[in-house]
Amino acid sequence: MQLIVRYTHADPATFRTAFDADAEDRGRNGLTLLQLWREDDGHSWGLFQVGNPKAARDYLDGAAAVFAAQAGVTATDAHFVETV
């Protein structure tokens, strides 16, 4: 299972610094970064391998808010997907 997240943020440098600092917390919650893309100065996309779906969902519903505040994230659009 993978997770694709589109982040809307104010500043790409602030976002990237906070994103990198959050790697350990994401890892503890079953998420491994596969790719990170920048769409433009206000949007980034992350593709993650999900090792623990429950922990990943709990992270998105809770601890990810701390990251979002530090990163200047104003919106996220997250999708859990599976290859069929």
N, C-alpha and C. Protein backbone atom coordinates (compact mmCIF):
# COMPACT_ATOMS: atom_id res chain seq x y z
N MET A 1 0.85 -1.17 0.00
CA MET A 1 0.00 0.00 0.00
C MET A 1 0.90 1.24 0.00
N GLN A 2 0.45 2.24 -0.75
CA GLN A 2 1.15 3.51 -0.78
C GLN A 2 0.22 4.63 -0.36
N LEU A 3 0.83 5.75 -0.03
CA LEU A 3 0.11 6.96 0.32
C LEU A 3 0.65 8.07 -0.57
N ILE A 4 -0.26 8.78 -1.24
CA ILE A 4 0.11 9.95 -2.02
C ILE A 4 -0.51 11.17 -1.34
N VAL A 5 0.33 12.17 -1.06
CA VAL A 5 -0.15 13.38 -0.39
C VAL A 5 0.23 14.60 -1.21
N ARG A 6 -0.73 15.46 -1.45
CA ARG A 6 -0.45 16.77 -2.06
C ARG A 6 -0.51 17.81 -0.95
N TYR A 7 0.59 18.51 -0.78
CA TYR A 7 0.69 19.55 0.24
C TYR A 7 0.58 20.92 -0.41
N THR A 8 -0.22 21.79 0.17
CA THR A 8 -0.26 23.20 -0.21
C THR A 8 0.48 23.95 0.88
N HIS A 9 1.48 24.74 0.47
CA HIS A 9 2.31 25.43 1.47
C HIS A 9 2.68 26.82 0.99
N ALA A 10 3.11 27.65 1.93
CA ALA A 10 3.42 29.05 1.62
C ALA A 10 4.81 29.23 1.03
N ASP A 11 5.77 28.44 1.48
CA ASP A 11 7.17 28.65 1.08
C ASP A 11 7.86 27.30 0.92
N PRO A 12 8.42 27.02 -0.27
CA PRO A 12 9.03 25.71 -0.49
C PRO A 12 10.23 25.41 0.42
N ALA A 13 11.03 26.41 0.75
CA ALA A 13 12.19 26.18 1.61
C ALA A 13 11.77 25.84 3.03
N THR A 14 10.79 26.56 3.56
CA THR A 14 10.27 26.27 4.90
C THR A 14 9.64 24.90 4.94
N PHE A 15 8.87 24.58 3.90
CA PHE A 15 8.24 23.26 3.81
C PHE A 15 9.31 22.17 3.83
N ARG A 16 10.33 22.30 3.00
CA ARG A 16 11.34 21.24 2.88
C ARG A 16 12.11 21.04 4.18
N THR A 17 12.45 22.13 4.86
CA THR A 17 13.17 22.02 6.13
C THR A 17 12.33 21.26 7.15
N ALA A 18 11.06 21.62 7.28
CA ALA A 18 10.17 20.94 8.23
C ALA A 18 9.90 19.51 7.80
N PHE A 19 9.76 19.28 6.50
CA PHE A 19 9.51 17.93 5.98
C PHE A 19 10.66 17.00 6.34
N ASP A 20 11.88 17.47 6.11
CA ASP A 20 13.05 16.66 6.44
C ASP A 20 13.15 16.40 7.94
N ALA A 21 12.82 17.39 8.75
CA ALA A 21 12.87 17.23 10.21
C ALA A 21 11.81 16.25 10.71
N ASP A 22 10.75 16.05 9.95
CA ASP A 22 9.66 15.17 10.35
C ASP A 22 9.86 13.71 9.93
N ALA A 23 10.96 13.41 9.25
CA ALA A 23 11.19 12.07 8.70
C ALA A 23 11.14 10.98 9.78
N GLU A 24 11.77 11.23 10.92
CA GLU A 24 11.79 10.21 11.97
C GLU A 24 10.38 9.92 12.49
N ASP A 25 9.59 10.97 12.68
CA ASP A 25 8.23 10.78 13.17
C ASP A 25 7.39 10.02 12.16
N ARG A 26 7.52 10.34 10.88
CA ARG A 26 6.79 9.58 9.85
C ARG A 26 7.21 8.12 9.88
N GLY A 27 8.50 7.88 10.00
CA GLY A 27 9.01 6.52 10.03
C GLY A 27 8.46 5.71 11.20
N ARG A 28 8.37 6.34 12.36
CA ARG A 28 7.81 5.65 13.53
C ARG A 28 6.33 5.33 13.34
N ASN A 29 5.72 6.00 12.39
CA ASN A 29 4.29 5.80 12.14
C ASN A 29 4.02 5.04 10.84
N GLY A 30 5.00 4.25 10.41
CA GLY A 30 4.79 3.32 9.30
C GLY A 30 4.91 3.90 7.91
N LEU A 31 5.49 5.10 7.78
CA LEU A 31 5.61 5.73 6.47
C LEU A 31 7.07 5.85 6.06
N THR A 32 7.37 5.40 4.85
CA THR A 32 8.70 5.51 4.27
C THR A 32 8.60 6.32 2.99
N LEU A 33 9.34 7.41 2.90
CA LEU A 33 9.29 8.26 1.71
C LEU A 33 9.91 7.55 0.52
N LEU A 34 9.17 7.51 -0.59
CA LEU A 34 9.68 6.96 -1.84
C LEU A 34 10.09 8.08 -2.79
N GLN A 35 9.28 9.12 -2.87
CA GLN A 35 9.57 10.26 -3.75
C GLN A 35 8.95 11.52 -3.16
N LEU A 36 9.59 12.65 -3.40
CA LEU A 36 9.02 13.95 -3.07
C LEU A 36 9.19 14.83 -4.29
N TRP A 37 8.09 15.42 -4.75
CA TRP A 37 8.12 16.28 -5.93
C TRP A 37 7.61 17.67 -5.57
N ARG A 38 8.14 18.68 -6.25
CA ARG A 38 7.61 20.03 -6.12
C ARG A 38 6.86 20.35 -7.40
N GLU A 39 5.58 20.66 -7.25
CA GLU A 39 4.74 21.00 -8.41
C GLU A 39 5.00 22.45 -8.85
N ASP A 40 5.03 23.33 -7.88
CA ASP A 40 5.33 24.75 -8.09
C ASP A 40 5.72 25.30 -6.72
N ASP A 41 5.84 26.61 -6.58
CA ASP A 41 6.29 27.15 -5.30
C ASP A 41 5.29 26.94 -4.17
N GLY A 42 4.05 26.59 -4.48
CA GLY A 42 3.04 26.44 -3.44
C GLY A 42 2.53 25.04 -3.22
N HIS A 43 3.08 24.07 -3.96
CA HIS A 43 2.58 22.69 -3.83
C HIS A 43 3.70 21.67 -3.95
N SER A 44 3.63 20.66 -3.13
CA SER A 44 4.55 19.52 -3.20
C SER A 44 3.73 18.25 -3.08
N TRP A 45 4.28 17.17 -3.61
CA TRP A 45 3.65 15.85 -3.56
C TRP A 45 4.62 14.88 -2.89
N GLY A 46 4.10 14.03 -2.02
CA GLY A 46 4.90 12.98 -1.41
C GLY A 46 4.30 11.63 -1.70
N LEU A 47 5.15 10.67 -2.05
CA LEU A 47 4.74 9.29 -2.25
C LEU A 47 5.43 8.46 -1.18
N PHE A 48 4.65 7.74 -0.39
CA PHE A 48 5.16 6.97 0.74
C PHE A 48 4.76 5.51 0.62
N GLN A 49 5.64 4.64 1.05
CA GLN A 49 5.30 3.23 1.28
C GLN A 49 4.68 3.17 2.67
N VAL A 50 3.57 2.45 2.80
CA VAL A 50 2.87 2.35 4.08
C VAL A 50 3.14 0.98 4.67
N GLY A 51 3.87 0.94 5.77
CA GLY A 51 4.17 -0.32 6.45
C GLY A 51 3.14 -0.67 7.51
N ASN A 52 2.46 0.33 8.03
CA ASN A 52 1.47 0.13 9.08
C ASN A 52 0.31 1.10 8.81
N PRO A 53 -0.73 0.63 8.10
CA PRO A 53 -1.82 1.53 7.73
C PRO A 53 -2.51 2.23 8.91
N LYS A 54 -2.73 1.50 10.00
CA LYS A 54 -3.39 2.13 11.15
C LYS A 54 -2.53 3.25 11.73
N ALA A 55 -1.24 2.98 11.93
CA ALA A 55 -0.35 4.00 12.47
C ALA A 55 -0.26 5.20 11.52
N ALA A 56 -0.23 4.94 10.21
CA ALA A 56 -0.16 6.02 9.23
C ALA A 56 -1.41 6.89 9.28
N ARG A 57 -2.57 6.26 9.38
CA ARG A 57 -3.82 7.03 9.47
C ARG A 57 -3.87 7.83 10.78
N ASP A 58 -3.43 7.22 11.86
CA ASP A 58 -3.39 7.93 13.14
C ASP A 58 -2.46 9.13 13.07
N TYR A 59 -1.31 8.96 12.42
CA TYR A 59 -0.36 10.07 12.23
C TYR A 59 -1.03 11.21 11.46
N LEU A 60 -1.70 10.88 10.36
CA LEU A 60 -2.35 11.91 9.55
C LEU A 60 -3.45 12.63 10.33
N ASP A 61 -4.12 11.90 11.22
CA ASP A 61 -5.21 12.49 12.01
C ASP A 61 -4.71 13.26 13.23
N GLY A 62 -3.41 13.14 13.56
CA GLY A 62 -2.93 13.78 14.79
C GLY A 62 -1.60 14.49 14.62
N ALA A 63 -0.53 13.74 14.73
CA ALA A 63 0.82 14.31 14.77
C ALA A 63 1.19 15.08 13.52
N ALA A 64 0.60 14.77 12.39
CA ALA A 64 0.91 15.50 11.16
C ALA A 64 0.54 16.97 11.27
N ALA A 65 -0.36 17.31 12.18
CA ALA A 65 -0.75 18.71 12.36
C ALA A 65 0.42 19.54 12.88
N VAL A 66 1.27 18.94 13.72
CA VAL A 66 2.46 19.64 14.22
C VAL A 66 3.39 19.94 13.06
N PHE A 67 3.65 18.94 12.23
CA PHE A 67 4.47 19.14 11.04
C PHE A 67 3.87 20.24 10.16
N ALA A 68 2.57 20.17 9.90
CA ALA A 68 1.91 21.13 9.02
C ALA A 68 2.08 22.56 9.53
N ALA A 69 1.95 22.74 10.82
CA ALA A 69 2.12 24.08 11.40
C ALA A 69 3.55 24.58 11.22
N GLN A 70 4.53 23.72 11.43
CA GLN A 70 5.93 24.10 11.28
C GLN A 70 6.30 24.34 9.82
N ALA A 71 5.66 23.62 8.91
CA ALA A 71 6.00 23.68 7.49
C ALA A 71 5.23 24.75 6.73
N GLY A 72 4.27 25.39 7.36
CA GLY A 72 3.44 26.37 6.66
C GLY A 72 2.45 25.72 5.71
N VAL A 73 2.07 24.48 6.01
CA VAL A 73 1.11 23.76 5.18
C VAL A 73 -0.29 24.28 5.49
N THR A 74 -1.00 24.69 4.45
CA THR A 74 -2.35 25.20 4.63
C THR A 74 -3.42 24.19 4.24
N ALA A 75 -3.04 23.15 3.48
CA ALA A 75 -4.00 22.11 3.09
C ALA A 75 -3.23 20.87 2.67
N THR A 76 -3.86 19.71 2.86
CA THR A 76 -3.32 18.45 2.37
C THR A 76 -4.45 17.66 1.72
N ASP A 77 -4.07 16.84 0.78
CA ASP A 77 -5.01 15.93 0.13
C ASP A 77 -4.31 14.58 0.08
N ALA A 78 -4.73 13.65 0.95
CA ALA A 78 -4.04 12.37 1.12
C ALA A 78 -4.90 11.22 0.59
N HIS A 79 -4.22 10.29 -0.11
CA HIS A 79 -4.92 9.13 -0.69
C HIS A 79 -4.10 7.88 -0.45
N PHE A 80 -4.70 6.89 0.19
CA PHE A 80 -4.10 5.56 0.32
C PHE A 80 -4.47 4.78 -0.93
N VAL A 81 -3.47 4.21 -1.60
CA VAL A 81 -3.71 3.49 -2.84
C VAL A 81 -3.01 2.14 -2.83
N GLU A 82 -3.54 1.21 -3.60
CA GLU A 82 -2.95 -0.12 -3.74
C GLU A 82 -2.89 -0.49 -5.20
N THR A 83 -1.87 -1.21 -5.59
CA THR A 83 -1.77 -1.73 -6.93
C THR A 83 -2.77 -2.88 -7.09
N VAL A 84 -3.50 -2.87 -8.18
CA VAL A 84 -4.48 -3.94 -8.42
C VAL A 84 -4.13 -4.72 -9.66
